[in-house]
Structures are given as C-alpha cells and as structure tokens.
Amino acid sequence: QVQLVESGGGLVQPGGSLRLSCAGSGIDFSTNAVAWYRQYPGNARESVASIPNGGGTFYHKSVKGRFTIDVDYARNTMYLQMNSLKPEDTAVYYCYAKSTLTARMYWGQGTQVTVSS
C-alpha cells in the first residue's frame, strides 16, 4: 500500500522559512513524477513546484526564486524548501506522485502552512 506522509507545516512570520517533507512508503520516487500542490479554501489545488518525468524543475510564477523542490531518492523523501514566505502562501500543501510505469497518482494528507504576524 502506497502512503505519502507529510510533515513540516505550521505557523511562520512573513519573511520566514519552512521546509516541508513527504516520506513515501510502498513507492519508489525514482519511477515517479513528483510535485507539491497547494489549495486555498474554496479553490482547486494548484501546482507549486514539480519534477516531471524526464527531470528538471518547474515552479509557479508566484514562488519562483523563493521555493525549491528536491528529492532524496535514497531516503524516498521529497522536500519543499520555502523561503521569504508571504501571507498569500497561506494554504494547505499536498505532495503528489504519479507513476511513470502505471500512471497511478498518489497524494499526501496535506499540511497547513500559515504565514502571519
């Protein structure tokens, strides 16, 4: 059974940093495209950062230069380093993986990030 377990969310002041983690079990991130999404209340999830099949990294224009996605394939864990946080980054953040072998998609449980003074 595949599980993606997130950690690292919380309350931070504007300008601060957080690092989200997503540990995978029953899944091999090296055969998956991976991404971080966020969701505002009443809105659909939007991609924040991704590493698609074939490599490279892509970012939403609102976070480019502030957020960094990476994967520790040895630990089967993905990360989202978030710097220079703004109140508009407040949302629930989800990790996501899509198998390049089966096309099955998996989501983490979500973690709340609140940026407020």
PDB file of N, CA and C in Angstrom:
ATOM      1  N   GLN A   1       0.852  -1.190   0.000  1.00  0.00           N
ATOM      2  CA  GLN A   1       0.000   0.000   0.000  1.00  0.00           C
ATOM      3  C   GLN A   1       0.889   1.242   0.000  1.00  0.00           C
ATOM      4  N   VAL A   2       0.558   2.164  -0.888  1.00  0.00           N
ATOM      5  CA  VAL A   2       1.347   3.379  -1.014  1.00  0.00           C
ATOM      6  C   VAL A   2       0.869   4.413  -0.006  1.00  0.00           C
ATOM      7  N   GLN A   3       1.812   5.026   0.654  1.00  0.00           N
ATOM      8  CA  GLN A   3       1.495   6.130   1.563  1.00  0.00           C
ATOM      9  C   GLN A   3       2.491   7.253   1.363  1.00  0.00           C
ATOM     10  N   LEU A   4       1.970   8.469   1.338  1.00  0.00           N
ATOM     11  CA  LEU A   4       2.801   9.670   1.342  1.00  0.00           C
ATOM     12  C   LEU A   4       2.466  10.419   2.622  1.00  0.00           C
ATOM     13  N   VAL A   5       3.447  10.598   3.480  1.00  0.00           N
ATOM     14  CA  VAL A   5       3.217  11.216   4.780  1.00  0.00           C
ATOM     15  C   VAL A   5       3.992  12.523   4.857  1.00  0.00           C
ATOM     16  N   GLU A   6       3.248  13.599   5.027  1.00  0.00           N
ATOM     17  CA  GLU A   6       3.844  14.929   5.044  1.00  0.00           C
ATOM     18  C   GLU A   6       4.116  15.387   6.467  1.00  0.00           C
ATOM     19  N   SER A   7       5.089  16.278   6.562  1.00  0.00           N
ATOM     20  CA  SER A   7       5.386  16.926   7.832  1.00  0.00           C
ATOM     21  C   SER A   7       6.042  18.270   7.551  1.00  0.00           C
ATOM     22  N   GLY A   8       6.082  19.120   8.574  1.00  0.00           N
ATOM     23  CA  GLY A   8       6.822  20.365   8.459  1.00  0.00           C
ATOM     24  C   GLY A   8       5.993  21.631   8.341  1.00  0.00           C
ATOM     25  N   GLY A   9       4.682  21.502   8.232  1.00  0.00           N
ATOM     26  CA  GLY A   9       3.863  22.703   8.156  1.00  0.00           C
ATOM     27  C   GLY A   9       3.780  23.404   9.502  1.00  0.00           C
ATOM     28  N   GLY A  10       3.141  24.569   9.507  1.00  0.00           N
ATOM     29  CA  GLY A  10       2.995  25.302  10.758  1.00  0.00           C
ATOM     30  C   GLY A  10       2.789  26.774  10.531  1.00  0.00           C
ATOM     31  N   LEU A  11       2.966  27.525  11.601  1.00  0.00           N
ATOM     32  CA  LEU A  11       2.797  28.981  11.579  1.00  0.00           C
ATOM     33  C   LEU A  11       4.168  29.639  11.509  1.00  0.00           C
ATOM     34  N   VAL A  12       4.302  30.592  10.612  1.00  0.00           N
ATOM     35  CA  VAL A  12       5.572  31.293  10.451  1.00  0.00           C
ATOM     36  C   VAL A  12       5.275  32.756  10.145  1.00  0.00           C
ATOM     37  N   GLN A  13       6.172  33.626  10.549  1.00  0.00           N
ATOM     38  CA  GLN A  13       6.004  35.047  10.267  1.00  0.00           C
ATOM     39  C   GLN A  13       6.377  35.360   8.827  1.00  0.00           C
ATOM     40  N   PRO A  14       5.823  36.417   8.275  1.00  0.00           N
ATOM     41  CA  PRO A  14       6.234  36.839   6.922  1.00  0.00           C
ATOM     42  C   PRO A  14       7.741  37.017   6.849  1.00  0.00           C
ATOM     43  N   GLY A  15       8.306  36.540   5.743  1.00  0.00           N
ATOM     44  CA  GLY A  15       9.756  36.588   5.576  1.00  0.00           C
ATOM     45  C   GLY A  15      10.471  35.374   6.106  1.00  0.00           C
ATOM     46  N   GLY A  16       9.755  34.522   6.828  1.00  0.00           N
ATOM     47  CA  GLY A  16      10.358  33.333   7.406  1.00  0.00           C
ATOM     48  C   GLY A  16      10.445  32.178   6.422  1.00  0.00           C
ATOM     49  N   SER A  17      10.912  31.040   6.943  1.00  0.00           N
ATOM     50  CA  SER A  17      11.119  29.849   6.122  1.00  0.00           C
ATOM     51  C   SER A  17      10.480  28.628   6.775  1.00  0.00           C
ATOM     52  N   LEU A  18      10.099  27.696   5.937  1.00  0.00           N
ATOM     53  CA  LEU A  18       9.643  26.376   6.369  1.00  0.00           C
ATOM     54  C   LEU A  18      10.147  25.358   5.368  1.00  0.00           C
ATOM     55  N   ARG A  19      10.326  24.141   5.851  1.00  0.00           N
ATOM     56  CA  ARG A  19      10.689  23.045   4.959  1.00  0.00           C
ATOM     57  C   ARG A  19       9.681  21.922   5.141  1.00  0.00           C
ATOM     58  N   LEU A  20       8.954  21.628   4.076  1.00  0.00           N
ATOM     59  CA  LEU A  20       8.004  20.530   4.103  1.00  0.00           C
ATOM     60  C   LEU A  20       8.694  19.249   3.645  1.00  0.00           C
ATOM     61  N   SER A  21       8.325  18.147   4.269  1.00  0.00           N
ATOM     62  CA  SER A  21       8.844  16.838   3.888  1.00  0.00           C
ATOM     63  C   SER A  21       7.687  15.924   3.521  1.00  0.00           C
ATOM     64  N   CYS A  22       7.962  14.991   2.649  1.00  0.00           N
ATOM     65  CA  CYS A  22       6.947  13.998   2.244  1.00  0.00           C
ATOM     66  C   CYS A  22       7.667  12.660   2.105  1.00  0.00           C
ATOM     67  N   ALA A  23       7.429  11.781   3.064  1.00  0.00           N
ATOM     68  CA  ALA A  23       8.077  10.469   3.066  1.00  0.00           C
ATOM     69  C   ALA A  23       7.183   9.448   2.379  1.00  0.00           C
ATOM     70  N   GLY A  24       7.753   8.741   1.419  1.00  0.00           N
ATOM     71  CA  GLY A  24       6.987   7.747   0.678  1.00  0.00           C
ATOM     72  C   GLY A  24       7.259   6.342   1.177  1.00  0.00           C
ATOM     73  N   SER A  25       6.206   5.550   1.296  1.00  0.00           N
ATOM     74  CA  SER A  25       6.343   4.123   1.587  1.00  0.00           C
ATOM     75  C   SER A  25       5.515   3.344   0.570  1.00  0.00           C
ATOM     76  N   GLY A  26       6.043   2.191   0.158  1.00  0.00           N
ATOM     77  CA  GLY A  26       5.355   1.415  -0.861  1.00  0.00           C
ATOM     78  C   GLY A  26       5.448   2.021  -2.243  1.00  0.00           C
ATOM     79  N   ILE A  27       6.359   2.957  -2.410  1.00  0.00           N
ATOM     80  CA  ILE A  27       6.509   3.673  -3.673  1.00  0.00           C
ATOM     81  C   ILE A  27       7.981   4.015  -3.856  1.00  0.00           C
ATOM     82  N   ASP A  28       8.422   4.042  -5.090  1.00  0.00           N
ATOM     83  CA  ASP A  28       9.792   4.402  -5.419  1.00  0.00           C
ATOM     84  C   ASP A  28       9.747   5.712  -6.192  1.00  0.00           C
ATOM     85  N   PHE A  29      10.197   6.800  -5.554  1.00  0.00           N
ATOM     86  CA  PHE A  29      10.119   8.105  -6.191  1.00  0.00           C
ATOM     87  C   PHE A  29      10.930   8.189  -7.483  1.00  0.00           C
ATOM     88  N   SER A  30      11.898   7.292  -7.639  1.00  0.00           N
ATOM     89  CA  SER A  30      12.726   7.356  -8.855  1.00  0.00           C
ATOM     90  C   SER A  30      11.946   6.957 -10.106  1.00  0.00           C
ATOM     91  N   THR A  31      10.784   6.341  -9.930  1.00  0.00           N
ATOM     92  CA  THR A  31       9.938   5.980 -11.079  1.00  0.00           C
ATOM     93  C   THR A  31       8.635   6.782 -11.071  1.00  0.00           C
ATOM     94  N   ASN A  32       8.695   7.945 -10.456  1.00  0.00           N
ATOM     95  CA  ASN A  32       7.517   8.806 -10.380  1.00  0.00           C
ATOM     96  C   ASN A  32       7.873  10.242 -10.731  1.00  0.00           C
ATOM     97  N   ALA A  33       6.955  10.923 -11.389  1.00  0.00           N
ATOM     98  CA  ALA A  33       6.990  12.373 -11.413  1.00  0.00           C
ATOM     99  C   ALA A  33       6.447  12.836 -10.065  1.00  0.00           C
ATOM    100  N   VAL A  34       7.029  13.894  -9.507  1.00  0.00           N
ATOM    101  CA  VAL A  34       6.607  14.350  -8.180  1.00  0.00           C
ATOM    102  C   VAL A  34       6.322  15.841  -8.208  1.00  0.00           C
ATOM    103  N   ALA A  35       5.529  16.276  -7.268  1.00  0.00           N
ATOM    104  CA  ALA A  35       5.150  17.689  -7.229  1.00  0.00           C
ATOM    105  C   ALA A  35       4.623  18.054  -5.847  1.00  0.00           C
ATOM    106  N   TRP A  36       4.587  19.329  -5.587  1.00  0.00           N
ATOM    107  CA  TRP A  36       3.894  19.910  -4.442  1.00  0.00           C
ATOM    108  C   TRP A  36       2.768  20.785  -4.992  1.00  0.00           C
ATOM    109  N   TYR A  37       1.586  20.635  -4.394  1.00  0.00           N
ATOM    110  CA  TYR A  37       0.428  21.449  -4.715  1.00  0.00           C
ATOM    111  C   TYR A  37       0.025  22.223  -3.459  1.00  0.00           C
ATOM    112  N   ARG A  38      -0.758  23.268  -3.669  1.00  0.00           N
ATOM    113  CA  ARG A  38      -1.394  23.937  -2.537  1.00  0.00           C
ATOM    114  C   ARG A  38      -2.842  24.228  -2.890  1.00  0.00           C
ATOM    115  N   GLN A  39      -3.621  24.395  -1.845  1.00  0.00           N
ATOM    116  CA  GLN A  39      -5.052  24.622  -2.019  1.00  0.00           C
ATOM    117  C   GLN A  39      -5.524  25.706  -1.068  1.00  0.00           C
ATOM    118  N   TYR A  40      -6.123  26.754  -1.644  1.00  0.00           N
ATOM    119  CA  TYR A  40      -6.768  27.792  -0.849  1.00  0.00           C
ATOM    120  C   TYR A  40      -8.214  27.376  -0.595  1.00  0.00           C
ATOM    121  N   PRO A  41      -8.828  27.844   0.479  1.00  0.00           N
ATOM    122  CA  PRO A  41     -10.225  27.470   0.758  1.00  0.00           C
ATOM    123  C   PRO A  41     -11.139  27.801  -0.414  1.00  0.00           C
ATOM    124  N   GLY A  42     -11.916  26.818  -0.837  1.00  0.00           N
ATOM    125  CA  GLY A  42     -12.876  27.026  -1.913  1.00  0.00           C
ATOM    126  C   GLY A  42     -12.279  26.971  -3.305  1.00  0.00           C
ATOM    127  N   ASN A  43     -10.982  26.703  -3.387  1.00  0.00           N
ATOM    128  CA  ASN A  43     -10.312  26.667  -4.693  1.00  0.00           C
ATOM    129  C   ASN A  43      -9.790  25.267  -5.005  1.00  0.00           C
ATOM    130  N   ALA A  44      -9.498  25.055  -6.285  1.00  0.00           N
ATOM    131  CA  ALA A  44      -8.862  23.807  -6.685  1.00  0.00           C
ATOM    132  C   ALA A  44      -7.381  23.832  -6.306  1.00  0.00           C
ATOM    133  N   ARG A  45      -6.797  22.660  -6.223  1.00  0.00           N
ATOM    134  CA  ARG A  45      -5.357  22.582  -5.950  1.00  0.00           C
ATOM    135  C   ARG A  45      -4.581  23.116  -7.144  1.00  0.00           C
ATOM    136  N   GLU A  46      -3.481  23.797  -6.846  1.00  0.00           N
ATOM    137  CA  GLU A  46      -2.622  24.307  -7.910  1.00  0.00           C
ATOM    138  C   GLU A  46      -1.196  23.807  -7.690  1.00  0.00           C
ATOM    139  N   SER A  47      -0.525  23.532  -8.786  1.00  0.00           N
ATOM    140  CA  SER A  47       0.851  23.062  -8.692  1.00  0.00           C
ATOM    141  C   SER A  47       1.757  24.219  -8.292  1.00  0.00           C
ATOM    142  N   VAL A  48       2.597  23.965  -7.309  1.00  0.00           N
ATOM    143  CA  VAL A  48       3.534  24.962  -6.827  1.00  0.00           C
ATOM    144  C   VAL A  48       4.928  24.694  -7.381  1.00  0.00           C
ATOM    145  N   ALA A  49       5.310  23.423  -7.362  1.00  0.00           N
ATOM    146  CA  ALA A  49       6.644  23.029  -7.815  1.00  0.00           C
ATOM    147  C   ALA A  49       6.585  21.579  -8.251  1.00  0.00           C
ATOM    148  N   SER A  50       7.341  21.236  -9.277  1.00  0.00           N
ATOM    149  CA  SER A  50       7.284  19.869  -9.776  1.00  0.00           C
ATOM    150  C   SER A  50       8.603  19.425 -10.382  1.00  0.00           C
ATOM    151  N   ILE A  51       8.785  18.126 -10.344  1.00  0.00           N
ATOM    152  CA  ILE A  51       9.874  17.464 -11.066  1.00  0.00           C
ATOM    153  C   ILE A  51       9.201  16.412 -11.948  1.00  0.00           C
ATOM    154  N   PRO A  52       8.991  16.731 -13.203  1.00  0.00           N
ATOM    155  CA  PRO A  52       8.265  15.813 -14.074  1.00  0.00           C
ATOM    156  C   PRO A  52       9.141  14.651 -14.526  1.00  0.00           C
ATOM    157  N   ASN A  53       8.500  13.699 -15.145  1.00  0.00           N
ATOM    158  CA  ASN A  53       9.227  12.600 -15.760  1.00  0.00           C
ATOM    159  C   ASN A  53      10.211  13.190 -16.771  1.00  0.00           C
ATOM    160  N   GLY A  54      11.447  12.793 -16.686  1.00  0.00           N
ATOM    161  CA  GLY A  54      12.454  13.375 -17.556  1.00  0.00           C
ATOM    162  C   GLY A  54      13.316  14.399 -16.870  1.00  0.00           C
ATOM    163  N   GLY A  55      12.896  14.774 -15.654  1.00  0.00           N
ATOM    164  CA  GLY A  55      13.754  15.652 -14.882  1.00  0.00           C
ATOM    165  C   GLY A  55      13.475  17.126 -15.063  1.00  0.00           C
ATOM    166  N   GLY A  56      14.333  17.937 -14.495  1.00  0.00           N
ATOM    167  CA  GLY A  56      14.123  19.374 -14.475  1.00  0.00           C
ATOM    168  C   GLY A  56      13.202  19.748 -13.336  1.00  0.00           C
ATOM    169  N   THR A  57      13.093  21.028 -13.077  1.00  0.00           N
ATOM    170  CA  THR A  57      12.190  21.513 -12.041  1.00  0.00           C
ATOM    171  C   THR A  57      11.373  22.659 -12.609  1.00  0.00           C
ATOM    172  N   PHE A  58      10.119  22.739 -12.156  1.00  0.00           N
ATOM    173  CA  PHE A  58       9.227  23.785 -12.632  1.00  0.00           C
ATOM    174  C   PHE A  58       8.525  24.395 -11.431  1.00  0.00           C
ATOM    175  N   TYR A  59       8.296  25.698 -11.492  1.00  0.00           N
ATOM    176  CA  TYR A  59       7.700  26.425 -10.380  1.00  0.00           C
ATOM    177  C   TYR A  59       6.589  27.337 -10.858  1.00  0.00           C
ATOM    178  N   HIS A  60       5.588  27.488  -9.995  1.00  0.00           N
ATOM    179  CA  HIS A  60       4.570  28.506 -10.214  1.00  0.00           C
ATOM    180  C   HIS A  60       5.260  29.861 -10.148  1.00  0.00           C
ATOM    181  N   LYS A  61       4.817  30.790 -10.982  1.00  0.00           N
ATOM    182  CA  LYS A  61       5.485  32.089 -11.063  1.00  0.00           C
ATOM    183  C   LYS A  61       5.479  32.823  -9.727  1.00  0.00           C
ATOM    184  N   SER A  62       4.509  32.543  -8.881  1.00  0.00           N
ATOM    185  CA  SER A  62       4.405  33.258  -7.606  1.00  0.00           C
ATOM    186  C   SER A  62       5.438  32.798  -6.578  1.00  0.00           C
ATOM    187  N   VAL A  63       6.067  31.635  -6.820  1.00  0.00           N
ATOM    188  CA  VAL A  63       7.024  31.113  -5.846  1.00  0.00           C
ATOM    189  C   VAL A  63       8.427  30.986  -6.415  1.00  0.00           C
ATOM    190  N   LYS A  64       8.579  31.273  -7.679  1.00  0.00           N
ATOM    191  CA  LYS A  64       9.879  31.113  -8.323  1.00  0.00           C
ATOM    192  C   LYS A  64      10.916  32.004  -7.635  1.00  0.00           C
ATOM    193  N   GLY A  65      12.050  31.408  -7.313  1.00  0.00           N
ATOM    194  CA  GLY A  65      13.100  32.135  -6.610  1.00  0.00           C
ATOM    195  C   GLY A  65      12.977  32.078  -5.104  1.00  0.00           C
ATOM    196  N   ARG A  66      11.830  31.608  -4.607  1.00  0.00           N
ATOM    197  CA  ARG A  66      11.626  31.515  -3.153  1.00  0.00           C
ATOM    198  C   ARG A  66      11.504  30.064  -2.682  1.00  0.00           C
ATOM    199  N   PHE A  67      10.913  29.205  -3.509  1.00  0.00           N
ATOM    200  CA  PHE A  67      10.686  27.809  -3.141  1.00  0.00           C
ATOM    201  C   PHE A  67      11.623  26.905  -3.946  1.00  0.00           C
ATOM    202  N   THR A  68      12.003  25.790  -3.337  1.00  0.00           N
ATOM    203  CA  THR A  68      12.841  24.803  -4.010  1.00  0.00           C
ATOM    204  C   THR A  68      12.317  23.403  -3.721  1.00  0.00           C
ATOM    205  N   ILE A  69      12.097  22.644  -4.785  1.00  0.00           N
ATOM    206  CA  ILE A  69      11.693  21.244  -4.649  1.00  0.00           C
ATOM    207  C   ILE A  69      12.909  20.359  -4.871  1.00  0.00           C
ATOM    208  N   ASP A  70      13.031  19.340  -4.041  1.00  0.00           N
ATOM    209  CA  ASP A  70      14.048  18.334  -4.326  1.00  0.00           C
ATOM    210  C   ASP A  70      13.639  16.990  -3.746  1.00  0.00           C
ATOM    211  N   VAL A  71      14.361  15.973  -4.134  1.00  0.00           N
ATOM    212  CA  VAL A  71      14.050  14.600  -3.741  1.00  0.00           C
ATOM    213  C   VAL A  71      15.328  13.915  -3.290  1.00  0.00           C
ATOM    214  N   ASP A  72      15.257  13.269  -2.136  1.00  0.00           N
ATOM    215  CA  ASP A  72      16.327  12.385  -1.677  1.00  0.00           C
ATOM    216  C   ASP A  72      15.888  10.977  -2.046  1.00  0.00           C
ATOM    217  N   TYR A  73      16.400  10.472  -3.164  1.00  0.00           N
ATOM    218  CA  TYR A  73      15.937   9.169  -3.645  1.00  0.00           C
ATOM    219  C   TYR A  73      16.403   8.040  -2.726  1.00  0.00           C
ATOM    220  N   ALA A  74      17.512   8.216  -2.048  1.00  0.00           N
ATOM    221  CA  ALA A  74      17.975   7.189  -1.113  1.00  0.00           C
ATOM    222  C   ALA A  74      17.023   7.063   0.081  1.00  0.00           C
ATOM    223  N   ARG A  75      16.464   8.180   0.519  1.00  0.00           N
ATOM    224  CA  ARG A  75      15.516   8.174   1.650  1.00  0.00           C
ATOM    225  C   ARG A  75      14.062   8.093   1.178  1.00  0.00           C
ATOM    226  N   ASN A  76      13.852   8.159  -0.140  1.00  0.00           N
ATOM    227  CA  ASN A  76      12.496   8.152  -0.700  1.00  0.00           C
ATOM    228  C   ASN A  76      11.645   9.246  -0.076  1.00  0.00           C
ATOM    229  N   THR A  77      12.217  10.430  -0.019  1.00  0.00           N
ATOM    230  CA  THR A  77      11.553  11.569   0.603  1.00  0.00           C
ATOM    231  C   THR A  77      11.705  12.783  -0.306  1.00  0.00           C
ATOM    232  N   MET A  78      10.603  13.521  -0.483  1.00  0.00           N
ATOM    233  CA  MET A  78      10.669  14.769  -1.241  1.00  0.00           C
ATOM    234  C   MET A  78      10.516  15.939  -0.288  1.00  0.00           C
ATOM    235  N   TYR A  79      11.015  17.080  -0.691  1.00  0.00           N
ATOM    236  CA  TYR A  79      11.025  18.260   0.155  1.00  0.00           C
ATOM    237  C   TYR A  79      10.548  19.479  -0.624  1.00  0.00           C
ATOM    238  N   LEU A  80      10.039  20.431   0.125  1.00  0.00           N
ATOM    239  CA  LEU A  80       9.762  21.756  -0.419  1.00  0.00           C
ATOM    240  C   LEU A  80      10.336  22.764   0.563  1.00  0.00           C
ATOM    241  N   GLN A  81      11.431  23.394   0.169  1.00  0.00           N
ATOM    242  CA  GLN A  81      12.018  24.463   0.976  1.00  0.00           C
ATOM    243  C   GLN A  81      11.344  25.759   0.587  1.00  0.00           C
ATOM    244  N   MET A  82      10.757  26.428   1.558  1.00  0.00           N
ATOM    245  CA  MET A  82      10.008  27.661   1.301  1.00  0.00           C
ATOM    246  C   MET A  82      10.675  28.795   2.060  1.00  0.00           C
ATOM    247  N   ASN A  83      11.193  29.762   1.335  1.00  0.00           N
ATOM    248  CA  ASN A  83      11.850  30.926   1.924  1.00  0.00           C
ATOM    249  C   ASN A  83      11.072  32.195   1.602  1.00  0.00           C
ATOM    250  N   SER A  84      11.376  33.240   2.322  1.00  0.00           N
ATOM    251  CA  SER A  84      10.733  34.545   2.096  1.00  0.00           C
ATOM    252  C   SER A  84       9.212  34.399   2.004  1.00  0.00           C
ATOM    253  N   LEU A  85       8.655  33.704   2.952  1.00  0.00           N
ATOM    254  CA  LEU A  85       7.225  33.405   2.914  1.00  0.00           C
ATOM    255  C   LEU A  85       6.382  34.660   3.042  1.00  0.00           C
ATOM    256  N   LYS A  86       5.249  34.644   2.339  1.00  0.00           N
ATOM    257  CA  LYS A  86       4.314  35.762   2.309  1.00  0.00           C
ATOM    258  C   LYS A  86       2.956  35.290   2.826  1.00  0.00           C
ATOM    259  N   PRO A  87       2.145  36.219   3.315  1.00  0.00           N
ATOM    260  CA  PRO A  87       0.807  35.817   3.774  1.00  0.00           C
ATOM    261  C   PRO A  87       0.011  35.080   2.695  1.00  0.00           C
ATOM    262  N   GLU A  88       0.208  35.424   1.444  1.00  0.00           N
ATOM    263  CA  GLU A  88      -0.525  34.756   0.369  1.00  0.00           C
ATOM    264  C   GLU A  88      -0.053  33.337   0.106  1.00  0.00           C
ATOM    265  N   ASP A  89       1.011  32.900   0.770  1.00  0.00           N
ATOM    266  CA  ASP A  89       1.420  31.500   0.702  1.00  0.00           C
ATOM    267  C   ASP A  89       0.625  30.626   1.674  1.00  0.00           C
ATOM    268  N   THR A  90      -0.191  31.254   2.498  1.00  0.00           N
ATOM    269  CA  THR A  90      -1.008  30.502   3.441  1.00  0.00           C
ATOM    270  C   THR A  90      -1.977  29.594   2.692  1.00  0.00           C
ATOM    271  N   ALA A  91      -1.886  28.295   2.948  1.00  0.00           N
ATOM    272  CA  ALA A  91      -2.700  27.301   2.240  1.00  0.00           C
ATOM    273  C   ALA A  91      -2.407  25.932   2.838  1.00  0.00           C
ATOM    274  N   VAL A  92      -3.159  24.944   2.382  1.00  0.00           N
ATOM    275  CA  VAL A  92      -2.830  23.555   2.685  1.00  0.00           C
ATOM    276  C   VAL A  92      -1.956  23.037   1.539  1.00  0.00           C
ATOM    277  N   TYR A  93      -0.846  22.446   1.897  1.00  0.00           N
ATOM    278  CA  TYR A  93       0.117  21.956   0.912  1.00  0.00           C
ATOM    279  C   TYR A  93       0.064  20.431   0.853  1.00  0.00           C
ATOM    280  N   TYR A  94       0.077  19.898  -0.369  1.00  0.00           N
ATOM    281  CA  TYR A  94      -0.003  18.462  -0.604  1.00  0.00           C
ATOM    282  C   TYR A  94       1.179  18.005  -1.453  1.00  0.00           C
ATOM    283  N   CYS A  95       1.748  16.878  -1.105  1.00  0.00           N
ATOM    284  CA  CYS A  95       2.711  16.261  -2.009  1.00  0.00           C
ATOM    285  C   CYS A  95       1.970  15.294  -2.923  1.00  0.00           C
ATOM    286  N   TYR A  96       2.548  15.052  -4.073  1.00  0.00           N
ATOM    287  CA  TYR A  96       1.886  14.303  -5.142  1.00  0.00           C
ATOM    288  C   TYR A  96       2.935  13.504  -5.890  1.00  0.00           C
ATOM    289  N   ALA A  97       2.554  12.310  -6.294  1.00  0.00           N
ATOM    290  CA  ALA A  97       3.431  11.478  -7.118  1.00  0.00           C
ATOM    291  C   ALA A  97       2.588  10.776  -8.173  1.00  0.00           C
ATOM    292  N   LYS A  98       3.141  10.655  -9.352  1.00  0.00           N
ATOM    293  CA  LYS A  98       2.470   9.930 -10.424  1.00  0.00           C
ATOM    294  C   LYS A  98       3.457   8.950 -11.038  1.00  0.00           C
ATOM    295  N   SER A  99       3.065   7.684 -11.016  1.00  0.00           N
ATOM    296  CA  SER A  99       3.961   6.646 -11.508  1.00  0.00           C
ATOM    297  C   SER A  99       4.174   6.771 -13.022  1.00  0.00           C
ATOM    298  N   THR A 100       5.436   6.708 -13.432  1.00  0.00           N
ATOM    299  CA  THR A 100       5.728   6.709 -14.866  1.00  0.00           C
ATOM    300  C   THR A 100       5.514   5.328 -15.482  1.00  0.00           C
ATOM    301  N   LEU A 101       5.267   4.332 -14.616  1.00  0.00           N
ATOM    302  CA  LEU A 101       5.059   2.972 -15.095  1.00  0.00           C
ATOM    303  C   LEU A 101       3.569   2.639 -15.250  1.00  0.00           C
ATOM    304  N   THR A 102       2.756   3.093 -14.278  1.00  0.00           N
ATOM    305  CA  THR A 102       1.331   2.728 -14.261  1.00  0.00           C
ATOM    306  C   THR A 102       0.400   3.909 -14.435  1.00  0.00           C
ATOM    307  N   ALA A 103       0.929   5.135 -14.332  1.00  0.00           N
ATOM    308  CA  ALA A 103       0.153   6.378 -14.376  1.00  0.00           C
ATOM    309  C   ALA A 103      -0.746   6.554 -13.148  1.00  0.00           C
ATOM    310  N   ARG A 104      -0.613   5.706 -12.127  1.00  0.00           N
ATOM    311  CA  ARG A 104      -1.404   5.900 -10.908  1.00  0.00           C
ATOM    312  C   ARG A 104      -0.880   7.128 -10.167  1.00  0.00           C
ATOM    313  N   MET A 105      -1.797   7.830  -9.527  1.00  0.00           N
ATOM    314  CA  MET A 105      -1.474   9.060  -8.822  1.00  0.00           C
ATOM    315  C   MET A 105      -1.701   8.883  -7.327  1.00  0.00           C
ATOM    316  N   TYR A 106      -0.860   9.553  -6.556  1.00  0.00           N
ATOM    317  CA  TYR A 106      -0.912   9.437  -5.104  1.00  0.00           C
ATOM    318  C   TYR A 106      -0.783  10.832  -4.480  1.00  0.00           C
ATOM    319  N   TRP A 107      -1.491  11.025  -3.378  1.00  0.00           N
ATOM    320  CA  TRP A 107      -1.467  12.301  -2.673  1.00  0.00           C
ATOM    321  C   TRP A 107      -1.104  12.092  -1.211  1.00  0.00           C
ATOM    322  N   GLY A 108      -0.396  13.085  -0.650  1.00  0.00           N
ATOM    323  CA  GLY A 108      -0.219  13.131   0.782  1.00  0.00           C
ATOM    324  C   GLY A 108      -1.494  13.625   1.440  1.00  0.00           C
ATOM    325  N   GLN A 109      -1.481  13.646   2.771  1.00  0.00           N
ATOM    326  CA  GLN A 109      -2.693  14.001   3.524  1.00  0.00           C
ATOM    327  C   GLN A 109      -2.893  15.501   3.631  1.00  0.00           C
ATOM    328  N   GLY A 110      -1.868  16.268   3.276  1.00  0.00           N
ATOM    329  CA  GLY A 110      -1.957  17.719   3.361  1.00  0.00           C
ATOM    330  C   GLY A 110      -1.406  18.241   4.675  1.00  0.00           C
ATOM    331  N   THR A 111      -0.760  19.397   4.602  1.00  0.00           N
ATOM    332  CA  THR A 111      -0.242  20.043   5.802  1.00  0.00           C
ATOM    333  C   THR A 111      -0.499  21.545   5.698  1.00  0.00           C
ATOM    334  N   GLN A 112      -0.970  22.126   6.787  1.00  0.00           N
ATOM    335  CA  GLN A 112      -1.332  23.541   6.787  1.00  0.00           C
ATOM    336  C   GLN A 112      -0.086  24.393   6.956  1.00  0.00           C
ATOM    337  N   VAL A 113       0.037  25.386   6.095  1.00  0.00           N
ATOM    338  CA  VAL A 113       1.073  26.417   6.231  1.00  0.00           C
ATOM    339  C   VAL A 113       0.363  27.751   6.407  1.00  0.00           C
ATOM    340  N   THR A 114       0.678  28.427   7.496  1.00  0.00           N
ATOM    341  CA  THR A 114       0.079  29.724   7.787  1.00  0.00           C
ATOM    342  C   THR A 114       1.187  30.753   7.953  1.00  0.00           C
ATOM    343  N   VAL A 115       1.104  31.808   7.153  1.00  0.00           N
ATOM    344  CA  VAL A 115       2.099  32.883   7.226  1.00  0.00           C
ATOM    345  C   VAL A 115       1.395  34.127   7.755  1.00  0.00           C
ATOM    346  N   SER A 116       1.740  34.485   8.963  1.00  0.00           N
ATOM    347  CA  SER A 116       1.043  35.582   9.624  1.00  0.00           C
ATOM    348  C   SER A 116       1.912  36.159  10.734  1.00  0.00           C
ATOM    349  N   SER A 117       1.762  37.454  10.947  1.00  0.00           N
ATOM    350  CA  SER A 117       2.467  38.090  12.062  1.00  0.00           C
ATOM    351  C   SER A 117       1.575  38.144  13.292  1.00  0.00           C
TER     352      SER A 117
END
